[in-house]
Amino acid sequence: MALNTNKNLKLYYSIKEVAQIFDVSESLLRYWETEFPQIKPKTLSNKVRQYTDKDIEQIRVIYNLVKVRGFKLAAARKMLSENKRGADKSAEVLSSLINVRDELKTLKKQLDGLV
């Protein structure tokens, strides 16, 4: 087995780290766990939640539906249950567009510096 040299590789993330990723409160994440059965973090004996990359991707899809696109929770649940693939694809496209926008902003700053 090859040694993984990626230092950023984490198996589990705390609720605080996940909340910071999405710029939401920890209580909102706990609430979403009750509303969306797709979010199932590992819970230790002392009630500490540990989120995996899969959990974070589920939260990313829900965040996209609720916070970005403005869906109500019931509509987001329905969208996830009826059109899971479409919701996932939509989140991927949004993420790609945000990355492209950030790269374009960086290029514009570099070009402005040349003038």
N, C-alpha and C. Protein backbone atom coordinates (compact mmCIF):
# COMPACT_ATOMS: atom_id res chain seq x y z
N MET A 1 0.84 -1.18 0.00
CA MET A 1 0.00 0.00 0.00
C MET A 1 0.89 1.24 0.00
N ALA A 2 0.59 2.20 -0.85
CA ALA A 2 1.39 3.41 -0.96
C ALA A 2 1.07 4.37 0.17
N LEU A 3 2.06 5.11 0.59
CA LEU A 3 1.91 6.10 1.63
C LEU A 3 1.24 7.33 1.05
N ASN A 4 0.19 7.78 1.72
CA ASN A 4 -0.49 8.98 1.28
C ASN A 4 0.21 10.19 1.88
N THR A 5 0.77 11.05 1.05
CA THR A 5 1.51 12.21 1.52
C THR A 5 0.65 13.46 1.60
N ASN A 6 -0.63 13.35 1.34
CA ASN A 6 -1.54 14.49 1.40
C ASN A 6 -1.80 14.83 2.87
N LYS A 7 -1.26 15.95 3.33
CA LYS A 7 -1.39 16.35 4.73
C LYS A 7 -2.78 16.90 5.04
N ASN A 8 -3.54 17.31 4.02
CA ASN A 8 -4.86 17.89 4.24
C ASN A 8 -5.96 16.83 4.34
N LEU A 9 -5.59 15.57 4.21
CA LEU A 9 -6.55 14.49 4.24
C LEU A 9 -7.02 14.25 5.67
N LYS A 10 -8.30 14.42 5.90
CA LYS A 10 -8.88 14.17 7.22
C LYS A 10 -10.01 13.18 7.04
N LEU A 11 -10.16 12.30 7.99
CA LEU A 11 -11.27 11.35 7.95
C LEU A 11 -12.52 11.95 8.56
N TYR A 12 -12.36 12.71 9.62
CA TYR A 12 -13.51 13.27 10.34
C TYR A 12 -13.31 14.75 10.60
N TYR A 13 -14.42 15.48 10.56
CA TYR A 13 -14.43 16.91 10.83
C TYR A 13 -15.40 17.17 11.97
N SER A 14 -15.07 18.13 12.82
CA SER A 14 -15.96 18.50 13.92
C SER A 14 -17.10 19.36 13.39
N ILE A 15 -18.13 19.50 14.19
CA ILE A 15 -19.27 20.32 13.78
C ILE A 15 -18.84 21.78 13.61
N LYS A 16 -17.87 22.21 14.42
CA LYS A 16 -17.37 23.58 14.31
C LYS A 16 -16.67 23.79 12.97
N GLU A 17 -15.87 22.83 12.54
CA GLU A 17 -15.17 22.93 11.26
C GLU A 17 -16.17 22.96 10.10
N VAL A 18 -17.18 22.11 10.16
CA VAL A 18 -18.18 22.06 9.09
C VAL A 18 -18.98 23.36 9.05
N ALA A 19 -19.32 23.88 10.21
CA ALA A 19 -20.05 25.15 10.27
C ALA A 19 -19.23 26.27 9.65
N GLN A 20 -17.92 26.27 9.88
CA GLN A 20 -17.06 27.29 9.30
C GLN A 20 -16.95 27.14 7.78
N ILE A 21 -16.93 25.90 7.30
CA ILE A 21 -16.86 25.67 5.86
C ILE A 21 -18.03 26.34 5.15
N PHE A 22 -19.23 26.21 5.72
CA PHE A 22 -20.44 26.73 5.08
C PHE A 22 -20.88 28.07 5.63
N ASP A 23 -20.15 28.60 6.60
CA ASP A 23 -20.48 29.87 7.23
C ASP A 23 -21.92 29.86 7.77
N VAL A 24 -22.24 28.80 8.50
CA VAL A 24 -23.53 28.67 9.16
C VAL A 24 -23.27 28.34 10.63
N SER A 25 -24.33 28.39 11.44
CA SER A 25 -24.17 28.08 12.86
C SER A 25 -24.20 26.57 13.09
N GLU A 26 -23.62 26.17 14.19
CA GLU A 26 -23.62 24.75 14.56
C GLU A 26 -25.04 24.27 14.84
N SER A 27 -25.86 25.15 15.40
CA SER A 27 -27.25 24.76 15.69
C SER A 27 -28.02 24.51 14.40
N LEU A 28 -27.70 25.25 13.33
CA LEU A 28 -28.37 25.01 12.05
C LEU A 28 -28.00 23.63 11.52
N LEU A 29 -26.75 23.23 11.66
CA LEU A 29 -26.35 21.89 11.21
C LEU A 29 -27.07 20.81 12.01
N ARG A 30 -27.18 21.01 13.33
CA ARG A 30 -27.90 20.03 14.15
C ARG A 30 -29.37 19.97 13.73
N TYR A 31 -29.96 21.12 13.41
CA TYR A 31 -31.35 21.15 12.96
C TYR A 31 -31.50 20.43 11.63
N TRP A 32 -30.59 20.66 10.71
CA TRP A 32 -30.65 19.99 9.41
C TRP A 32 -30.54 18.48 9.57
N GLU A 33 -29.80 18.02 10.58
CA GLU A 33 -29.72 16.58 10.83
C GLU A 33 -31.09 16.00 11.15
N THR A 34 -31.93 16.77 11.83
CA THR A 34 -33.27 16.28 12.17
C THR A 34 -34.20 16.35 10.96
N GLU A 35 -33.96 17.29 10.07
CA GLU A 35 -34.84 17.50 8.91
C GLU A 35 -34.46 16.66 7.70
N PHE A 36 -33.18 16.33 7.57
CA PHE A 36 -32.70 15.60 6.41
C PHE A 36 -32.01 14.31 6.86
N PRO A 37 -32.63 13.17 6.60
CA PRO A 37 -32.03 11.91 7.03
C PRO A 37 -30.74 11.56 6.29
N GLN A 38 -30.42 12.30 5.23
CA GLN A 38 -29.19 12.05 4.48
C GLN A 38 -27.95 12.43 5.29
N ILE A 39 -28.11 13.32 6.26
CA ILE A 39 -26.97 13.76 7.08
C ILE A 39 -26.92 12.87 8.31
N LYS A 40 -25.89 12.04 8.37
CA LYS A 40 -25.75 11.10 9.48
C LYS A 40 -24.31 11.10 9.99
N PRO A 41 -23.93 12.13 10.77
CA PRO A 41 -22.56 12.11 11.27
C PRO A 41 -22.37 11.02 12.32
N LYS A 42 -21.15 10.56 12.42
CA LYS A 42 -20.81 9.59 13.46
C LYS A 42 -20.87 10.31 14.80
N THR A 43 -21.53 9.71 15.79
CA THR A 43 -21.64 10.33 17.10
C THR A 43 -20.92 9.47 18.12
N LEU A 44 -20.01 10.09 18.84
CA LEU A 44 -19.26 9.40 19.87
C LEU A 44 -20.09 9.30 21.14
N SER A 45 -19.60 8.57 22.12
CA SER A 45 -20.35 8.34 23.35
C SER A 45 -20.67 9.64 24.10
N ASN A 46 -19.84 10.65 23.94
CA ASN A 46 -20.10 11.92 24.62
C ASN A 46 -20.83 12.93 23.72
N LYS A 47 -21.58 12.43 22.75
CA LYS A 47 -22.42 13.21 21.84
C LYS A 47 -21.64 14.15 20.91
N VAL A 48 -20.37 13.88 20.71
CA VAL A 48 -19.56 14.67 19.79
C VAL A 48 -19.78 14.13 18.38
N ARG A 49 -20.14 15.04 17.46
CA ARG A 49 -20.39 14.64 16.08
C ARG A 49 -19.09 14.66 15.29
N GLN A 50 -18.94 13.66 14.43
CA GLN A 50 -17.80 13.59 13.53
C GLN A 50 -18.34 13.41 12.11
N TYR A 51 -18.10 14.41 11.28
CA TYR A 51 -18.59 14.41 9.90
C TYR A 51 -17.53 13.86 8.96
N THR A 52 -17.96 13.03 8.02
CA THR A 52 -17.08 12.51 6.98
C THR A 52 -17.20 13.39 5.74
N ASP A 53 -16.36 13.11 4.75
CA ASP A 53 -16.46 13.84 3.49
C ASP A 53 -17.82 13.63 2.84
N LYS A 54 -18.37 12.43 2.97
CA LYS A 54 -19.69 12.14 2.42
C LYS A 54 -20.77 13.00 3.09
N ASP A 55 -20.69 13.15 4.40
CA ASP A 55 -21.63 14.01 5.12
C ASP A 55 -21.52 15.45 4.64
N ILE A 56 -20.29 15.90 4.44
CA ILE A 56 -20.06 17.28 4.00
C ILE A 56 -20.63 17.50 2.60
N GLU A 57 -20.52 16.51 1.74
CA GLU A 57 -21.10 16.63 0.40
C GLU A 57 -22.63 16.70 0.48
N GLN A 58 -23.23 15.92 1.37
CA GLN A 58 -24.69 15.99 1.56
C GLN A 58 -25.09 17.37 2.06
N ILE A 59 -24.32 17.91 2.99
CA ILE A 59 -24.60 19.25 3.51
C ILE A 59 -24.43 20.28 2.41
N ARG A 60 -23.43 20.09 1.55
CA ARG A 60 -23.21 21.02 0.44
C ARG A 60 -24.43 21.06 -0.49
N VAL A 61 -25.01 19.91 -0.77
CA VAL A 61 -26.20 19.85 -1.62
C VAL A 61 -27.37 20.55 -0.92
N ILE A 62 -27.57 20.26 0.36
CA ILE A 62 -28.66 20.88 1.10
C ILE A 62 -28.45 22.39 1.22
N TYR A 63 -27.21 22.81 1.48
CA TYR A 63 -26.89 24.23 1.56
C TYR A 63 -27.22 24.92 0.24
N ASN A 64 -26.85 24.28 -0.86
CA ASN A 64 -27.14 24.84 -2.18
C ASN A 64 -28.65 25.01 -2.38
N LEU A 65 -29.41 24.01 -2.02
CA LEU A 65 -30.86 24.08 -2.21
C LEU A 65 -31.51 25.13 -1.31
N VAL A 66 -31.13 25.14 -0.03
CA VAL A 66 -31.81 25.99 0.94
C VAL A 66 -31.26 27.41 0.96
N LYS A 67 -29.97 27.56 1.08
CA LYS A 67 -29.38 28.89 1.24
C LYS A 67 -29.13 29.61 -0.08
N VAL A 68 -28.68 28.89 -1.10
CA VAL A 68 -28.34 29.54 -2.36
C VAL A 68 -29.57 29.70 -3.25
N ARG A 69 -30.32 28.62 -3.42
CA ARG A 69 -31.47 28.65 -4.33
C ARG A 69 -32.77 29.05 -3.64
N GLY A 70 -32.78 29.12 -2.31
CA GLY A 70 -33.94 29.63 -1.59
C GLY A 70 -35.10 28.65 -1.42
N PHE A 71 -34.85 27.36 -1.51
CA PHE A 71 -35.89 26.37 -1.31
C PHE A 71 -36.32 26.34 0.16
N LYS A 72 -37.59 26.10 0.40
CA LYS A 72 -38.07 25.80 1.75
C LYS A 72 -37.59 24.40 2.10
N LEU A 73 -37.56 24.08 3.40
CA LEU A 73 -37.04 22.78 3.81
C LEU A 73 -37.84 21.63 3.21
N ALA A 74 -39.17 21.77 3.19
CA ALA A 74 -40.01 20.71 2.63
C ALA A 74 -39.71 20.52 1.14
N ALA A 75 -39.55 21.62 0.43
CA ALA A 75 -39.24 21.54 -1.01
C ALA A 75 -37.86 20.93 -1.23
N ALA A 76 -36.91 21.27 -0.37
CA ALA A 76 -35.57 20.70 -0.49
C ALA A 76 -35.59 19.20 -0.23
N ARG A 77 -36.36 18.77 0.79
CA ARG A 77 -36.50 17.34 1.07
C ARG A 77 -37.10 16.62 -0.12
N LYS A 78 -38.13 17.22 -0.71
CA LYS A 78 -38.79 16.61 -1.87
C LYS A 78 -37.83 16.53 -3.06
N MET A 79 -37.08 17.59 -3.27
CA MET A 79 -36.11 17.61 -4.38
C MET A 79 -35.06 16.53 -4.18
N LEU A 80 -34.58 16.37 -2.96
CA LEU A 80 -33.57 15.35 -2.68
C LEU A 80 -34.11 13.95 -2.88
N SER A 81 -35.35 13.73 -2.48
CA SER A 81 -35.90 12.38 -2.59
C SER A 81 -36.30 12.04 -4.03
N GLU A 82 -36.79 13.01 -4.77
CA GLU A 82 -37.26 12.75 -6.14
C GLU A 82 -36.15 12.86 -7.18
N ASN A 83 -35.26 13.79 -6.97
CA ASN A 83 -34.28 14.09 -8.01
C ASN A 83 -32.89 14.20 -7.39
N LYS A 84 -32.45 13.16 -6.75
CA LYS A 84 -31.17 13.17 -6.05
C LYS A 84 -30.03 13.49 -7.00
N ARG A 85 -30.01 12.88 -8.14
CA ARG A 85 -28.91 13.08 -9.09
C ARG A 85 -28.88 14.53 -9.58
N GLY A 86 -30.04 15.10 -9.85
CA GLY A 86 -30.10 16.49 -10.31
C GLY A 86 -29.64 17.47 -9.25
N ALA A 87 -29.99 17.21 -8.00
CA ALA A 87 -29.56 18.08 -6.90
C ALA A 87 -28.06 18.00 -6.72
N ASP A 88 -27.50 16.79 -6.81
CA ASP A 88 -26.05 16.63 -6.69
C ASP A 88 -25.33 17.36 -7.82
N LYS A 89 -25.83 17.19 -9.03
CA LYS A 89 -25.21 17.80 -10.20
C LYS A 89 -25.26 19.32 -10.08
N SER A 90 -26.37 19.84 -9.59
CA SER A 90 -26.52 21.28 -9.43
C SER A 90 -25.49 21.82 -8.45
N ALA A 91 -25.25 21.11 -7.36
CA ALA A 91 -24.25 21.53 -6.38
C ALA A 91 -22.85 21.50 -6.99
N GLU A 92 -22.57 20.48 -7.80
CA GLU A 92 -21.26 20.38 -8.46
C GLU A 92 -21.05 21.55 -9.42
N VAL A 93 -22.07 21.87 -10.19
CA VAL A 93 -21.97 22.96 -11.16
C VAL A 93 -21.74 24.28 -10.43
N LEU A 94 -22.49 24.50 -9.36
CA LEU A 94 -22.32 25.73 -8.60
C LEU A 94 -20.91 25.84 -8.04
N SER A 95 -20.40 24.77 -7.50
CA SER A 95 -19.04 24.77 -6.96
C SER A 95 -18.02 25.08 -8.05
N SER A 96 -18.19 24.49 -9.22
CA SER A 96 -17.28 24.75 -10.34
C SER A 96 -17.34 26.21 -10.77
N LEU A 97 -18.54 26.76 -10.84
CA LEU A 97 -18.69 28.16 -11.25
C LEU A 97 -18.05 29.10 -10.24
N ILE A 98 -18.16 28.80 -8.96
CA ILE A 98 -17.54 29.63 -7.94
C ILE A 98 -16.02 29.59 -8.08
N ASN A 99 -15.48 28.40 -8.34
CA ASN A 99 -14.03 28.28 -8.53
C ASN A 99 -13.56 29.07 -9.74
N VAL A 100 -14.31 29.00 -10.85
CA VAL A 100 -13.96 29.75 -12.06
C VAL A 100 -14.02 31.25 -11.78
N ARG A 101 -15.05 31.70 -11.07
CA ARG A 101 -15.17 33.12 -10.73
C ARG A 101 -13.97 33.59 -9.92
N ASP A 102 -13.57 32.80 -8.92
CA ASP A 102 -12.43 33.16 -8.09
C ASP A 102 -11.14 33.24 -8.91
N GLU A 103 -10.96 32.30 -9.84
CA GLU A 103 -9.78 32.33 -10.70
C GLU A 103 -9.80 33.56 -11.61
N LEU A 104 -10.97 33.92 -12.13
CA LEU A 104 -11.08 35.11 -12.99
C LEU A 104 -10.78 36.38 -12.19
N LYS A 105 -11.21 36.44 -10.95
CA LYS A 105 -10.90 37.60 -10.11
C LYS A 105 -9.41 37.72 -9.88
N THR A 106 -8.76 36.59 -9.66
CA THR A 106 -7.30 36.59 -9.46
C THR A 106 -6.60 37.06 -10.72
N LEU A 107 -7.02 36.57 -11.87
CA LEU A 107 -6.42 37.00 -13.15
C LEU A 107 -6.63 38.50 -13.38
N LYS A 108 -7.81 38.99 -13.05
CA LYS A 108 -8.10 40.43 -13.24
C LYS A 108 -7.17 41.26 -12.36
N LYS A 109 -6.95 40.84 -11.12
CA LYS A 109 -6.04 41.57 -10.24
C LYS A 109 -4.62 41.60 -10.80
N GLN A 110 -4.21 40.46 -11.36
CA GLN A 110 -2.87 40.38 -11.94
C GLN A 110 -2.75 41.28 -13.18
N LEU A 111 -3.80 41.30 -13.98
CA LEU A 111 -3.80 42.16 -15.17
C LEU A 111 -3.82 43.64 -14.78
N ASP A 112 -4.59 43.97 -13.75
CA ASP A 112 -4.63 45.36 -13.29
C ASP A 112 -3.28 45.82 -12.77
N GLY A 113 -2.52 44.88 -12.20
CA GLY A 113 -1.19 45.19 -11.71
C GLY A 113 -0.19 45.47 -12.82
N LEU A 114 -0.43 44.93 -14.01
CA LEU A 114 0.47 45.14 -15.15
C LEU A 114 0.28 46.49 -15.80
N VAL A 115 -0.88 47.06 -15.67
CA VAL A 115 -1.21 48.33 -16.35
C VAL A 115 -0.62 49.50 -15.65
